[in-house]
Amino acid sequence: MSDLTKTWDNLNTAVVVSDPDFNVTYVNQRAYEMFELLEIPGLKVGMNMAECHKPETLQKLKGIYKAFADKKIKIHYYTADGPEGTLTIVAVPFYNDDALGGVVEMVFEGGLA
């Protein structure tokens, strides 16, 4: 295991990485813990995010991923209520050459401002 992998695995912020087709490619330990607290079942590498999102939420995600793919936005964020207060969810794209490679989503416990 590389030092970088250890860093992501031990980060006290939930991290979920997905490919452009919404398939989960990486989940750190904090994300598993947080999804359990939020009572969102089934988070695992290999799953498609359609399995844990409502259809209307998935439509919003498709729009965000399209905006990332078209390079119209560089970041997307919102806040939500969590079990212990506010959660700030931040999504940032990464690219393979010029094509969208996927999205890293981080869930911060608390506000960022």
N, C-alpha and C. Protein backbone atom coordinates (compact mmCIF):
# COMPACT_ATOMS: atom_id res chain seq x y z
N MET A 1 0.85 -1.18 0.00
CA MET A 1 0.00 0.00 0.00
C MET A 1 0.90 1.24 0.00
N SER A 2 0.61 2.16 -0.90
CA SER A 2 1.43 3.38 -0.99
C SER A 2 1.05 4.35 0.12
N ASP A 3 1.95 5.29 0.38
CA ASP A 3 1.65 6.32 1.37
C ASP A 3 0.43 7.13 0.98
N LEU A 4 0.27 7.36 -0.32
CA LEU A 4 -0.89 8.12 -0.79
C LEU A 4 -2.18 7.37 -0.50
N THR A 5 -2.20 6.08 -0.76
CA THR A 5 -3.38 5.28 -0.47
C THR A 5 -3.68 5.28 1.02
N LYS A 6 -2.64 5.16 1.84
CA LYS A 6 -2.83 5.20 3.29
C LYS A 6 -3.43 6.53 3.72
N THR A 7 -2.97 7.61 3.09
CA THR A 7 -3.49 8.93 3.43
C THR A 7 -4.99 9.00 3.15
N TRP A 8 -5.41 8.60 1.95
CA TRP A 8 -6.83 8.64 1.61
C TRP A 8 -7.64 7.70 2.49
N ASP A 9 -7.09 6.51 2.77
CA ASP A 9 -7.81 5.54 3.59
C ASP A 9 -8.02 6.03 5.02
N ASN A 10 -7.07 6.81 5.53
CA ASN A 10 -7.14 7.26 6.93
C ASN A 10 -7.63 8.68 7.09
N LEU A 11 -8.00 9.34 6.01
CA LEU A 11 -8.51 10.70 6.07
C LEU A 11 -9.81 10.73 6.85
N ASN A 12 -9.98 11.74 7.69
CA ASN A 12 -11.20 11.86 8.48
C ASN A 12 -12.27 12.63 7.71
N THR A 13 -12.28 12.46 6.41
CA THR A 13 -13.28 13.02 5.51
C THR A 13 -13.68 11.89 4.57
N ALA A 14 -14.98 11.76 4.35
CA ALA A 14 -15.45 10.72 3.44
C ALA A 14 -15.03 11.04 2.02
N VAL A 15 -14.50 10.04 1.31
CA VAL A 15 -14.08 10.19 -0.07
C VAL A 15 -14.67 9.04 -0.89
N VAL A 16 -15.36 9.41 -1.97
CA VAL A 16 -15.91 8.43 -2.91
C VAL A 16 -15.48 8.87 -4.30
N VAL A 17 -14.89 7.96 -5.05
CA VAL A 17 -14.45 8.25 -6.42
C VAL A 17 -15.29 7.40 -7.36
N SER A 18 -15.74 8.04 -8.44
CA SER A 18 -16.52 7.30 -9.43
C SER A 18 -16.02 7.61 -10.83
N ASP A 19 -16.32 6.71 -11.75
CA ASP A 19 -15.94 6.93 -13.14
C ASP A 19 -17.06 7.73 -13.84
N PRO A 20 -16.90 8.08 -15.10
CA PRO A 20 -17.91 8.88 -15.79
C PRO A 20 -19.28 8.21 -15.93
N ASP A 21 -19.31 6.88 -15.74
CA ASP A 21 -20.57 6.15 -15.82
C ASP A 21 -21.20 5.90 -14.46
N PHE A 22 -20.71 6.60 -13.43
CA PHE A 22 -21.24 6.53 -12.07
C PHE A 22 -20.90 5.24 -11.32
N ASN A 23 -19.91 4.51 -11.82
CA ASN A 23 -19.45 3.32 -11.12
C ASN A 23 -18.44 3.74 -10.06
N VAL A 24 -18.63 3.27 -8.84
CA VAL A 24 -17.74 3.62 -7.73
C VAL A 24 -16.43 2.86 -7.89
N THR A 25 -15.31 3.59 -7.89
CA THR A 25 -14.00 2.97 -8.08
C THR A 25 -13.14 3.01 -6.83
N TYR A 26 -13.52 3.83 -5.85
CA TYR A 26 -12.76 3.92 -4.59
C TYR A 26 -13.68 4.47 -3.51
N VAL A 27 -13.55 3.93 -2.32
CA VAL A 27 -14.27 4.41 -1.14
C VAL A 27 -13.32 4.32 0.04
N ASN A 28 -13.18 5.39 0.80
CA ASN A 28 -12.33 5.29 1.99
C ASN A 28 -13.16 4.86 3.20
N GLN A 29 -12.48 4.54 4.28
CA GLN A 29 -13.15 4.01 5.48
C GLN A 29 -14.17 4.99 6.04
N ARG A 30 -13.85 6.28 6.05
CA ARG A 30 -14.77 7.28 6.60
C ARG A 30 -16.06 7.34 5.79
N ALA A 31 -15.96 7.12 4.49
CA ALA A 31 -17.18 7.12 3.67
C ALA A 31 -18.09 5.95 4.06
N TYR A 32 -17.49 4.77 4.27
CA TYR A 32 -18.30 3.64 4.72
C TYR A 32 -19.00 3.97 6.04
N GLU A 33 -18.26 4.56 6.96
CA GLU A 33 -18.82 4.91 8.27
C GLU A 33 -19.94 5.94 8.12
N MET A 34 -19.71 6.95 7.29
CA MET A 34 -20.70 8.01 7.13
C MET A 34 -21.96 7.49 6.45
N PHE A 35 -21.81 6.66 5.42
CA PHE A 35 -22.99 6.12 4.76
C PHE A 35 -23.80 5.26 5.73
N GLU A 36 -23.13 4.56 6.62
CA GLU A 36 -23.85 3.78 7.64
C GLU A 36 -24.62 4.71 8.57
N LEU A 37 -23.98 5.80 9.03
CA LEU A 37 -24.65 6.77 9.89
C LEU A 37 -25.85 7.40 9.19
N LEU A 38 -25.72 7.65 7.90
CA LEU A 38 -26.80 8.27 7.12
C LEU A 38 -27.85 7.26 6.68
N GLU A 39 -27.62 5.99 7.03
CA GLU A 39 -28.52 4.90 6.69
C GLU A 39 -28.72 4.78 5.17
N ILE A 40 -27.61 4.92 4.43
CA ILE A 40 -27.61 4.72 2.98
C ILE A 40 -26.93 3.37 2.75
N PRO A 41 -27.71 2.36 2.39
CA PRO A 41 -27.15 1.01 2.29
C PRO A 41 -26.36 0.77 1.02
N GLY A 42 -25.45 -0.17 1.09
CA GLY A 42 -24.85 -0.75 -0.09
C GLY A 42 -23.65 -0.08 -0.70
N LEU A 43 -23.07 0.94 -0.09
CA LEU A 43 -21.91 1.58 -0.68
C LEU A 43 -20.76 0.59 -0.77
N LYS A 44 -20.23 0.43 -2.00
CA LYS A 44 -19.07 -0.45 -2.18
C LYS A 44 -18.44 -0.16 -3.54
N VAL A 45 -17.18 -0.49 -3.64
CA VAL A 45 -16.48 -0.37 -4.91
C VAL A 45 -17.14 -1.31 -5.91
N GLY A 46 -17.37 -0.83 -7.11
CA GLY A 46 -18.00 -1.63 -8.15
C GLY A 46 -19.48 -1.34 -8.32
N MET A 47 -20.12 -0.77 -7.33
CA MET A 47 -21.54 -0.48 -7.46
C MET A 47 -21.74 0.74 -8.35
N ASN A 48 -22.90 0.87 -8.91
CA ASN A 48 -23.26 2.05 -9.66
C ASN A 48 -24.06 2.95 -8.73
N MET A 49 -23.79 4.25 -8.80
CA MET A 49 -24.45 5.17 -7.89
C MET A 49 -25.95 5.24 -8.09
N ALA A 50 -26.45 4.72 -9.19
CA ALA A 50 -27.90 4.64 -9.40
C ALA A 50 -28.54 3.76 -8.33
N GLU A 51 -27.75 2.86 -7.75
CA GLU A 51 -28.26 1.94 -6.73
C GLU A 51 -28.54 2.63 -5.40
N CYS A 52 -27.94 3.80 -5.15
CA CYS A 52 -28.14 4.45 -3.85
C CYS A 52 -28.69 5.86 -3.95
N HIS A 53 -29.07 6.29 -5.15
CA HIS A 53 -29.65 7.62 -5.33
C HIS A 53 -31.06 7.50 -5.89
N LYS A 54 -31.91 8.44 -5.51
CA LYS A 54 -33.24 8.53 -6.08
C LYS A 54 -33.11 8.94 -7.55
N PRO A 55 -34.07 8.58 -8.39
CA PRO A 55 -33.99 8.93 -9.81
C PRO A 55 -33.78 10.43 -10.06
N GLU A 56 -34.45 11.27 -9.30
CA GLU A 56 -34.29 12.72 -9.51
C GLU A 56 -32.89 13.20 -9.11
N THR A 57 -32.30 12.57 -8.10
CA THR A 57 -30.93 12.92 -7.72
C THR A 57 -29.95 12.45 -8.78
N LEU A 58 -30.19 11.28 -9.34
CA LEU A 58 -29.32 10.77 -10.40
C LEU A 58 -29.37 11.69 -11.62
N GLN A 59 -30.55 12.23 -11.92
CA GLN A 59 -30.65 13.17 -13.05
C GLN A 59 -29.79 14.41 -12.79
N LYS A 60 -29.80 14.91 -11.56
CA LYS A 60 -28.96 16.05 -11.21
C LYS A 60 -27.48 15.69 -11.37
N LEU A 61 -27.10 14.48 -10.91
CA LEU A 61 -25.72 14.03 -11.05
C LEU A 61 -25.31 13.96 -12.52
N LYS A 62 -26.19 13.47 -13.35
CA LYS A 62 -25.89 13.38 -14.78
C LYS A 62 -25.60 14.77 -15.34
N GLY A 63 -26.36 15.76 -14.91
CA GLY A 63 -26.13 17.13 -15.36
C GLY A 63 -24.80 17.67 -14.88
N ILE A 64 -24.45 17.36 -13.64
CA ILE A 64 -23.17 17.81 -13.08
C ILE A 64 -22.01 17.14 -13.81
N TYR A 65 -22.10 15.83 -14.03
CA TYR A 65 -21.03 15.10 -14.74
C TYR A 65 -20.89 15.62 -16.17
N LYS A 66 -22.01 15.94 -16.81
CA LYS A 66 -21.97 16.49 -18.17
C LYS A 66 -21.26 17.84 -18.16
N ALA A 67 -21.58 18.68 -17.17
CA ALA A 67 -20.92 19.99 -17.07
C ALA A 67 -19.43 19.82 -16.81
N PHE A 68 -19.05 18.81 -16.01
CA PHE A 68 -17.63 18.51 -15.81
C PHE A 68 -17.00 18.06 -17.14
N ALA A 69 -17.67 17.14 -17.83
CA ALA A 69 -17.13 16.61 -19.09
C ALA A 69 -16.94 17.71 -20.13
N ASP A 70 -17.89 18.66 -20.14
CA ASP A 70 -17.82 19.77 -21.08
C ASP A 70 -16.92 20.91 -20.57
N LYS A 71 -16.38 20.71 -19.37
CA LYS A 71 -15.50 21.70 -18.72
C LYS A 71 -16.18 23.06 -18.53
N LYS A 72 -17.48 22.99 -18.24
CA LYS A 72 -18.24 24.21 -17.95
C LYS A 72 -18.12 24.60 -16.49
N ILE A 73 -17.84 23.62 -15.62
CA ILE A 73 -17.63 23.89 -14.20
C ILE A 73 -16.40 23.11 -13.74
N LYS A 74 -15.77 23.62 -12.69
CA LYS A 74 -14.56 22.97 -12.15
C LYS A 74 -14.81 22.35 -10.79
N ILE A 75 -15.93 22.69 -10.17
CA ILE A 75 -16.25 22.19 -8.84
C ILE A 75 -17.77 22.28 -8.66
N HIS A 76 -18.31 21.38 -7.88
CA HIS A 76 -19.72 21.44 -7.52
C HIS A 76 -19.81 21.15 -6.02
N TYR A 77 -20.60 21.93 -5.31
CA TYR A 77 -20.74 21.69 -3.87
C TYR A 77 -22.13 22.07 -3.40
N TYR A 78 -22.52 21.47 -2.29
CA TYR A 78 -23.78 21.79 -1.65
C TYR A 78 -23.69 21.35 -0.20
N THR A 79 -24.64 21.80 0.60
CA THR A 79 -24.70 21.37 2.00
C THR A 79 -25.95 20.54 2.21
N ALA A 80 -25.87 19.68 3.21
CA ALA A 80 -27.00 18.83 3.58
C ALA A 80 -26.96 18.61 5.08
N ASP A 81 -28.09 18.25 5.62
CA ASP A 81 -28.15 17.92 7.04
C ASP A 81 -27.60 16.52 7.25
N GLY A 82 -26.73 16.37 8.24
CA GLY A 82 -26.18 15.08 8.60
C GLY A 82 -26.61 14.71 10.00
N PRO A 83 -26.22 13.54 10.47
CA PRO A 83 -26.64 13.07 11.79
C PRO A 83 -26.08 13.93 12.93
N GLU A 84 -24.97 14.62 12.66
CA GLU A 84 -24.36 15.43 13.72
C GLU A 84 -24.21 16.89 13.29
N GLY A 85 -25.04 17.35 12.35
CA GLY A 85 -24.97 18.72 11.88
C GLY A 85 -24.82 18.81 10.38
N THR A 86 -24.29 19.92 9.94
CA THR A 86 -24.16 20.19 8.51
C THR A 86 -23.06 19.37 7.85
N LEU A 87 -23.35 18.89 6.67
CA LEU A 87 -22.35 18.23 5.82
C LEU A 87 -22.15 19.12 4.59
N THR A 88 -20.91 19.28 4.18
CA THR A 88 -20.61 19.98 2.94
C THR A 88 -20.04 18.96 1.98
N ILE A 89 -20.72 18.81 0.85
CA ILE A 89 -20.32 17.82 -0.14
C ILE A 89 -19.68 18.56 -1.31
N VAL A 90 -18.45 18.19 -1.63
CA VAL A 90 -17.70 18.84 -2.70
C VAL A 90 -17.31 17.78 -3.73
N ALA A 91 -17.62 18.06 -4.99
CA ALA A 91 -17.26 17.15 -6.08
C ALA A 91 -16.33 17.88 -7.04
N VAL A 92 -15.24 17.21 -7.40
CA VAL A 92 -14.29 17.77 -8.37
C VAL A 92 -13.97 16.70 -9.41
N PRO A 93 -13.85 17.12 -10.66
CA PRO A 93 -13.56 16.15 -11.71
C PRO A 93 -12.07 15.90 -11.84
N PHE A 94 -11.74 14.77 -12.45
CA PHE A 94 -10.37 14.54 -12.92
C PHE A 94 -10.49 14.04 -14.36
N TYR A 95 -9.41 14.22 -15.09
CA TYR A 95 -9.45 13.94 -16.53
C TYR A 95 -8.37 12.96 -16.94
N ASN A 96 -8.67 12.16 -17.95
CA ASN A 96 -7.68 11.30 -18.63
C ASN A 96 -7.49 11.96 -19.98
N ASP A 97 -6.32 12.56 -20.14
CA ASP A 97 -6.08 13.40 -21.30
C ASP A 97 -7.15 14.50 -21.28
N ASP A 98 -8.00 14.57 -22.29
CA ASP A 98 -9.00 15.64 -22.34
C ASP A 98 -10.39 15.16 -21.93
N ALA A 99 -10.54 13.87 -21.70
CA ALA A 99 -11.86 13.30 -21.39
C ALA A 99 -12.05 13.18 -19.87
N LEU A 100 -13.29 13.32 -19.45
CA LEU A 100 -13.60 13.15 -18.04
C LEU A 100 -13.22 11.75 -17.60
N GLY A 101 -12.34 11.66 -16.59
CA GLY A 101 -11.93 10.36 -16.06
C GLY A 101 -12.80 9.91 -14.93
N GLY A 102 -13.41 10.86 -14.23
CA GLY A 102 -14.28 10.56 -13.11
C GLY A 102 -14.40 11.74 -12.19
N VAL A 103 -14.97 11.48 -11.03
CA VAL A 103 -15.25 12.53 -10.06
C VAL A 103 -14.86 12.05 -8.67
N VAL A 104 -14.20 12.94 -7.93
CA VAL A 104 -13.90 12.69 -6.53
C VAL A 104 -14.89 13.50 -5.71
N GLU A 105 -15.62 12.81 -4.85
CA GLU A 105 -16.58 13.48 -3.97
C GLU A 105 -16.07 13.36 -2.54
N MET A 106 -16.00 14.51 -1.86
CA MET A 106 -15.57 14.54 -0.47
C MET A 106 -16.71 15.08 0.38
N VAL A 107 -16.95 14.45 1.50
CA VAL A 107 -18.00 14.89 2.40
C VAL A 107 -17.34 15.39 3.68
N PHE A 108 -17.42 16.71 3.88
CA PHE A 108 -16.83 17.35 5.05
C PHE A 108 -17.91 17.52 6.11
N GLU A 109 -17.56 17.20 7.33
CA GLU A 109 -18.51 17.34 8.42
C GLU A 109 -18.39 18.75 8.96
N GLY A 110 -19.39 19.55 8.65
CA GLY A 110 -19.40 20.97 9.03
C GLY A 110 -19.39 21.82 7.78
N GLY A 111 -19.54 23.12 7.98
CA GLY A 111 -19.51 24.06 6.88
C GLY A 111 -18.08 24.44 6.55
N LEU A 112 -17.85 24.92 5.36
CA LEU A 112 -16.51 25.32 4.96
C LEU A 112 -16.30 26.82 5.11
N ALA A 113 -17.35 27.56 5.35
CA ALA A 113 -17.20 29.02 5.47
C ALA A 113 -17.07 29.43 6.92
